Amino acid sequence: MALVHDDVIGILAVALSFSLDSQGRYTFIDELFVEEYACGQGLGREALEAAEAYYR
């Protein structure tokens, strides 16, 4: 969740799952949203990079 002055301006939902087909655990992006007025500031990229570092 991205906050500016206690207002939510972005959200990233990561889902965790398990599959025999993929031979174990995997994660996927279920939802990524950034308010239109905040687009172009790198918030989505920053959220994806943080999720990748956390779940790697």
C-alpha atoms as a PDB file:
ATOM      1  CA  MET A   1       0.000   0.000   0.000  1.00  0.00           C
ATOM      2  CA  ALA A   2       1.303   3.432  -0.897  1.00  0.00           C
ATOM      3  CA  LEU A   3       0.211   6.306   1.330  1.00  0.00           C
ATOM      4  CA  VAL A   4       0.437  10.073   0.972  1.00  0.00           C
ATOM      5  CA  HIS A   5      -0.833  12.069   3.953  1.00  0.00           C
ATOM      6  CA  ASP A   6      -2.773   8.982   5.148  1.00  0.00           C
ATOM      7  CA  ASP A   7      -4.512   8.635   1.751  1.00  0.00           C
ATOM      8  CA  VAL A   8      -4.085   5.340  -0.115  1.00  0.00           C
ATOM      9  CA  ILE A   9      -2.803   6.119  -3.606  1.00  0.00           C
ATOM     10  CA  GLY A  10      -1.645   2.658  -4.613  1.00  0.00           C
ATOM     11  CA  ILE A  11      -2.020  -1.000  -3.823  1.00  0.00           C
ATOM     12  CA  LEU A  12      -0.177  -4.185  -4.733  1.00  0.00           C
ATOM     13  CA  ALA A  13      -1.701  -7.580  -3.940  1.00  0.00           C
ATOM     14  CA  VAL A  14       0.568 -10.616  -4.207  1.00  0.00           C
ATOM     15  CA  ALA A  15      -0.929 -14.108  -4.084  1.00  0.00           C
ATOM     16  CA  LEU A  16       0.972 -17.146  -2.873  1.00  0.00           C
ATOM     17  CA  SER A  17       0.123 -20.584  -4.192  1.00  0.00           C
ATOM     18  CA  PHE A  18       1.424 -24.107  -4.616  1.00  0.00           C
ATOM     19  CA  SER A  19       1.369 -26.224  -7.741  1.00  0.00           C
ATOM     20  CA  LEU A  20       2.586 -29.693  -8.502  1.00  0.00           C
ATOM     21  CA  ASP A  21       2.882 -28.572 -12.112  1.00  0.00           C
ATOM     22  CA  SER A  22       5.381 -25.830 -11.248  1.00  0.00           C
ATOM     23  CA  GLN A  23       7.062 -28.113  -8.734  1.00  0.00           C
ATOM     24  CA  GLY A  24       6.271 -26.112  -5.652  1.00  0.00           C
ATOM     25  CA  ARG A  25       5.451 -22.697  -4.363  1.00  0.00           C
ATOM     26  CA  TYR A  26       4.972 -19.661  -6.568  1.00  0.00           C
ATOM     27  CA  THR A  27       3.736 -16.086  -6.302  1.00  0.00           C
ATOM     28  CA  PHE A  28       1.875 -13.887  -8.735  1.00  0.00           C
ATOM     29  CA  ILE A  29       0.650 -10.323  -8.899  1.00  0.00           C
ATOM     30  CA  ASP A  30      -3.088 -10.378  -8.309  1.00  0.00           C
ATOM     31  CA  GLU A  31      -3.620  -6.638  -8.386  1.00  0.00           C
ATOM     32  CA  LEU A  32      -1.598  -3.478  -8.975  1.00  0.00           C
ATOM     33  CA  PHE A  33      -3.281  -0.096  -8.830  1.00  0.00           C
ATOM     34  CA  VAL A  34      -2.000   3.469  -8.638  1.00  0.00           C
ATOM     35  CA  GLU A  35      -4.302   6.485  -8.581  1.00  0.00           C
ATOM     36  CA  GLU A  36      -4.228   8.275 -11.920  1.00  0.00           C
ATOM     37  CA  TYR A  37      -2.859  11.510 -10.458  1.00  0.00           C
ATOM     38  CA  ALA A  38       0.104   9.583  -8.996  1.00  0.00           C
ATOM     39  CA  CYS A  39       1.006   7.694 -12.177  1.00  0.00           C
ATOM     40  CA  GLY A  40       4.396   8.295 -13.746  1.00  0.00           C
ATOM     41  CA  GLN A  41       6.198   8.754 -10.425  1.00  0.00           C
ATOM     42  CA  GLY A  42       7.600   5.221 -10.261  1.00  0.00           C
ATOM     43  CA  LEU A  43       5.325   3.992  -7.455  1.00  0.00           C
ATOM     44  CA  GLY A  44       4.253   0.866  -9.342  1.00  0.00           C
ATOM     45  CA  ARG A  45       7.838  -0.007 -10.222  1.00  0.00           C
ATOM     46  CA  GLU A  46       8.914   0.578  -6.640  1.00  0.00           C
ATOM     47  CA  ALA A  47       6.144  -1.690  -5.325  1.00  0.00           C
ATOM     48  CA  LEU A  48       7.044  -4.461  -7.791  1.00  0.00           C
ATOM     49  CA  GLU A  49      10.732  -4.254  -6.914  1.00  0.00           C
ATOM     50  CA  ALA A  50       9.936  -4.454  -3.193  1.00  0.00           C
ATOM     51  CA  ALA A  51       7.673  -7.479  -3.719  1.00  0.00           C
ATOM     52  CA  GLU A  52      10.286  -9.214  -5.857  1.00  0.00           C
ATOM     53  CA  ALA A  53      12.976  -8.672  -3.217  1.00  0.00           C
ATOM     54  CA  TYR A  54      10.686  -9.900  -0.441  1.00  0.00           C
ATOM     55  CA  TYR A  55       9.422 -13.050  -2.180  1.00  0.00           C
ATOM     56  CA  ARG A  56      12.649 -14.068  -3.928  1.00  0.00           C
END
